[in-house]
C-alpha atoms as a PDB file:
ATOM      1  CA  MET A   1       6.960   7.206 -33.232  1.00  0.00           C
ATOM      2  CA  ALA A   2       9.944   8.766 -31.483  1.00  0.00           C
ATOM      3  CA  PRO A   3      10.721   7.481 -27.963  1.00  0.00           C
ATOM      4  CA  LEU A   4       9.717  10.743 -26.275  1.00  0.00           C
ATOM      5  CA  ASP A   5       6.307  10.609 -27.977  1.00  0.00           C
ATOM      6  CA  ILE A   6       5.314   7.923 -25.460  1.00  0.00           C
ATOM      7  CA  TYR A   7       4.378  10.619 -22.933  1.00  0.00           C
ATOM      8  CA  SER A   8       1.689  12.083 -25.164  1.00  0.00           C
ATOM      9  CA  VAL A   9      -0.046   8.809 -26.026  1.00  0.00           C
ATOM     10  CA  GLU A  10      -3.673   8.866 -24.951  1.00  0.00           C
ATOM     11  CA  CYS A  11      -4.126   5.974 -22.513  1.00  0.00           C
ATOM     12  CA  ASP A  12      -5.704   4.904 -19.259  1.00  0.00           C
ATOM     13  CA  ILE A  13      -2.471   4.086 -17.412  1.00  0.00           C
ATOM     14  CA  PHE A  14       1.027   5.343 -18.079  1.00  0.00           C
ATOM     15  CA  SER A  15       3.338   2.739 -16.530  1.00  0.00           C
ATOM     16  CA  PRO A  16       7.022   3.627 -16.178  1.00  0.00           C
ATOM     17  CA  ASN A  17       8.889   0.465 -15.252  1.00  0.00           C
ATOM     18  CA  ALA A  18      12.543   0.811 -16.105  1.00  0.00           C
ATOM     19  CA  LEU A  19      13.627   4.389 -15.560  1.00  0.00           C
ATOM     20  CA  GLY A  20      13.165   6.790 -12.664  1.00  0.00           C
ATOM     21  CA  ALA A  21      12.385  10.524 -12.766  1.00  0.00           C
ATOM     22  CA  VAL A  22      10.215  10.179 -15.866  1.00  0.00           C
ATOM     23  CA  ILE A  23       7.477  12.297 -14.330  1.00  0.00           C
ATOM     24  CA  ASN A  24       8.967  15.768 -14.457  1.00  0.00           C
ATOM     25  CA  ASP A  25       8.460  19.325 -15.686  1.00  0.00           C
ATOM     26  CA  VAL A  26       8.919  18.293 -19.318  1.00  0.00           C
ATOM     27  CA  THR A  27       6.746  15.171 -19.340  1.00  0.00           C
ATOM     28  CA  ILE A  28       3.796  16.183 -17.134  1.00  0.00           C
ATOM     29  CA  PRO A  29       2.313  18.665 -19.636  1.00  0.00           C
ATOM     30  CA  LYS A  30       2.416  15.926 -22.308  1.00  0.00           C
ATOM     31  CA  LEU A  31       0.583  13.263 -20.281  1.00  0.00           C
ATOM     32  CA  LYS A  32      -2.818  12.202 -21.610  1.00  0.00           C
ATOM     33  CA  CYS A  33      -3.493   9.428 -19.133  1.00  0.00           C
ATOM     34  CA  LEU A  34      -5.884   8.851 -16.268  1.00  0.00           C
ATOM     35  CA  ALA A  35      -3.250   7.331 -13.985  1.00  0.00           C
ATOM     36  CA  VAL A  36       0.475   6.821 -13.521  1.00  0.00           C
ATOM     37  CA  ALA A  37       1.398   3.462 -11.989  1.00  0.00           C
ATOM     38  CA  GLY A  38       4.697   1.767 -12.566  1.00  0.00           C
ATOM     39  CA  ALA A  39       7.351  -0.299 -10.909  1.00  0.00           C
ATOM     40  CA  ALA A  40      10.312   1.985 -11.592  1.00  0.00           C
ATOM     41  CA  ASN A  41      11.927   3.520  -8.530  1.00  0.00           C
ATOM     42  CA  ASN A  42      11.553   7.261  -8.035  1.00  0.00           C
ATOM     43  CA  VAL A  43       9.019   7.800 -10.813  1.00  0.00           C
ATOM     44  CA  LEU A  44       8.610  11.414  -9.711  1.00  0.00           C
ATOM     45  CA  ALA A  45      11.679  13.519 -10.412  1.00  0.00           C
ATOM     46  CA  GLU A  46      10.687  15.649  -7.405  1.00  0.00           C
ATOM     47  CA  GLU A  47       7.857  15.373  -4.880  1.00  0.00           C
ATOM     48  CA  ARG A  48       6.256  18.527  -6.297  1.00  0.00           C
ATOM     49  CA  HIS A  49       5.577  16.568  -9.470  1.00  0.00           C
ATOM     50  CA  GLY A  50       3.101  14.530  -7.420  1.00  0.00           C
ATOM     51  CA  ASP A  51       1.356  17.812  -6.639  1.00  0.00           C
ATOM     52  CA  LEU A  52       1.198  18.628 -10.354  1.00  0.00           C
ATOM     53  CA  LEU A  53      -0.292  15.222 -11.188  1.00  0.00           C
ATOM     54  CA  HIS A  54      -2.898  15.771  -8.471  1.00  0.00           C
ATOM     55  CA  GLN A  55      -3.747  19.209  -9.892  1.00  0.00           C
ATOM     56  CA  LYS A  56      -4.160  17.680 -13.357  1.00  0.00           C
ATOM     57  CA  GLY A  57      -6.483  15.001 -11.976  1.00  0.00           C
ATOM     58  CA  ILE A  58      -4.064  12.185 -12.823  1.00  0.00           C
ATOM     59  CA  LEU A  59      -4.137   9.394 -10.246  1.00  0.00           C
ATOM     60  CA  TYR A  60      -0.644   8.405  -9.122  1.00  0.00           C
ATOM     61  CA  ALA A  61       0.266   5.071  -7.548  1.00  0.00           C
ATOM     62  CA  PRO A  62       3.321   5.902  -5.434  1.00  0.00           C
ATOM     63  CA  ASP A  63       6.184   3.810  -6.762  1.00  0.00           C
ATOM     64  CA  TYR A  64       7.249   2.327  -3.461  1.00  0.00           C
ATOM     65  CA  VAL A  65       3.735   0.949  -3.026  1.00  0.00           C
ATOM     66  CA  ALA A  66       3.181  -0.123  -6.633  1.00  0.00           C
ATOM     67  CA  ASN A  67       6.465  -2.013  -6.757  1.00  0.00           C
ATOM     68  CA  ALA A  68       6.349  -3.448  -3.226  1.00  0.00           C
ATOM     69  CA  GLY A  69       5.795  -6.963  -4.586  1.00  0.00           C
ATOM     70  CA  GLY A  70       9.494  -7.391  -5.282  1.00  0.00           C
ATOM     71  CA  LEU A  71      10.443  -6.455  -1.751  1.00  0.00           C
ATOM     72  CA  ILE A  72       7.722  -8.721  -0.361  1.00  0.00           C
ATOM     73  CA  GLN A  73       9.166 -11.593  -2.410  1.00  0.00           C
ATOM     74  CA  VAL A  74      12.708 -10.993  -1.175  1.00  0.00           C
ATOM     75  CA  ALA A  75      11.587 -10.623   2.455  1.00  0.00           C
ATOM     76  CA  ASP A  76       9.717 -13.905   2.258  1.00  0.00           C
ATOM     77  CA  GLU A  77      12.809 -15.648   0.895  1.00  0.00           C
ATOM     78  CA  LEU A  78      14.542 -14.821   4.193  1.00  0.00           C
ATOM     79  CA  HIS A  79      12.028 -16.998   6.074  1.00  0.00           C
ATOM     80  CA  ASP A  80      11.702 -20.392   4.386  1.00  0.00           C
ATOM     81  CA  TYR A  81      10.063 -19.069   1.229  1.00  0.00           C
ATOM     82  CA  SER A  82       6.395 -19.809   0.760  1.00  0.00           C
ATOM     83  CA  LYS A  83       4.884 -18.841  -2.590  1.00  0.00           C
ATOM     84  CA  GLU A  84       1.410 -18.807  -1.073  1.00  0.00           C
ATOM     85  CA  ARG A  85       2.451 -16.488   1.768  1.00  0.00           C
ATOM     86  CA  ALA A  86       4.385 -14.171  -0.555  1.00  0.00           C
ATOM     87  CA  PHE A  87       1.467 -13.937  -2.976  1.00  0.00           C
ATOM     88  CA  LYS A  88      -0.994 -13.361  -0.123  1.00  0.00           C
ATOM     89  CA  ASN A  89       1.147 -10.536   1.234  1.00  0.00           C
ATOM     90  CA  ALA A  90       1.603  -9.036  -2.235  1.00  0.00           C
ATOM     91  CA  SER A  91      -2.167  -9.062  -2.744  1.00  0.00           C
ATOM     92  CA  LEU A  92      -2.412  -6.596   0.166  1.00  0.00           C
ATOM     93  CA  ILE A  93      -0.862  -3.915  -2.063  1.00  0.00           C
ATOM     94  CA  TYR A  94      -4.328  -3.453  -3.558  1.00  0.00           C
ATOM     95  CA  ASP A  95      -5.814  -2.639  -0.135  1.00  0.00           C
ATOM     96  CA  VAL A  96      -2.977  -0.255   0.692  1.00  0.00           C
ATOM     97  CA  LEU A  97      -3.507   1.612  -2.575  1.00  0.00           C
ATOM     98  CA  LYS A  98      -7.251   1.811  -1.887  1.00  0.00           C
ATOM     99  CA  LYS A  99      -6.500   3.328   1.522  1.00  0.00           C
ATOM    100  CA  ILE A 100      -4.109   5.832  -0.035  1.00  0.00           C
ATOM    101  CA  TYR A 101      -6.584   6.816  -2.746  1.00  0.00           C
ATOM    102  CA  LYS A 102      -9.401   7.230  -0.221  1.00  0.00           C
ATOM    103  CA  MET A 103      -7.232   9.417   2.026  1.00  0.00           C
ATOM    104  CA  SER A 104      -6.137  11.465  -0.983  1.00  0.00           C
ATOM    105  CA  LYS A 105      -9.718  12.049  -2.050  1.00  0.00           C
ATOM    106  CA  THR A 106     -11.077  12.711   1.443  1.00  0.00           C
ATOM    107  CA  HIS A 107      -8.393  15.262   2.306  1.00  0.00           C
ATOM    108  CA  ASP A 108      -7.774  16.541  -1.248  1.00  0.00           C
ATOM    109  CA  ILE A 109      -4.068  15.799  -1.017  1.00  0.00           C
ATOM    110  CA  PRO A 110      -1.773  14.188  -3.592  1.00  0.00           C
ATOM    111  CA  THR A 111      -1.453  10.432  -3.331  1.00  0.00           C
ATOM    112  CA  TYR A 112       2.262  10.570  -2.572  1.00  0.00           C
ATOM    113  CA  LYS A 113       1.461  12.627   0.553  1.00  0.00           C
ATOM    114  CA  ALA A 114      -1.283  10.200   1.551  1.00  0.00           C
ATOM    115  CA  ALA A 115       1.147   7.298   1.057  1.00  0.00           C
ATOM    116  CA  ASN A 116       3.702   8.987   3.290  1.00  0.00           C
ATOM    117  CA  ILE A 117       1.061   9.407   6.014  1.00  0.00           C
ATOM    118  CA  VAL A 118       0.061   5.737   5.751  1.00  0.00           C
ATOM    119  CA  VAL A 119       3.709   4.653   6.033  1.00  0.00           C
ATOM    120  CA  GLU A 120       4.404   6.992   8.951  1.00  0.00           C
ATOM    121  CA  GLU A 121       1.350   5.627  10.794  1.00  0.00           C
ATOM    122  CA  LYS A 122       2.550   2.062  10.202  1.00  0.00           C
ATOM    123  CA  ILE A 123       6.066   2.870  11.424  1.00  0.00           C
ATOM    124  CA  GLU A 124       4.622   4.496  14.551  1.00  0.00           C
ATOM    125  CA  LYS A 125       2.437   1.447  15.215  1.00  0.00           C
ATOM    126  CA  ILE A 126       5.387  -0.933  14.812  1.00  0.00           C
ATOM    127  CA  SER A 127       7.486   1.283  17.053  1.00  0.00           C
ATOM    128  CA  ARG A 128       4.858   1.118  19.815  1.00  0.00           C
ATOM    129  CA  ILE A 129       4.659  -2.679  19.505  1.00  0.00           C
ATOM    130  CA  GLN A 130       8.450  -3.046  19.628  1.00  0.00           C
ATOM    131  CA  SER A 131       8.761  -0.776  22.660  1.00  0.00           C
ATOM    132  CA  LYS A 132       6.313  -3.011  24.553  1.00  0.00           C
ATOM    133  CA  PHE A 133       8.643  -5.961  24.007  1.00  0.00           C
ATOM    134  CA  THR A 134      11.975  -4.204  24.420  1.00  0.00           C
ATOM    135  CA  GLY A 135      11.012  -1.945  27.300  1.00  0.00           C
END
């Protein structure tokens, strides 16, 4: 099998983990998977590729959510690292993805757009909390 044949392998989950921009105009037509979920950064070459996955009925786990465990680990190391706390926080990724998938389905929008909405809501909530304490 040639390396580029990987995109046309029939599978449940295509998981790009080492290289960004692998979901693009060339690879999307080849995909024979139910979902794309990987830990590489910038899996989508362009946001519109998330729209194309949505149109094809391929579930996409936005990369910055799917690979958040690494950031959670590093953040916990800044505060007297606790394996239990880091693992507990990383386990919340599942709930965040469920929320994203539900929003995507309810509003018939691509998951990357739903993820952006979830993040924007969280940032707004944190901003309101901070403004209460900082005046």
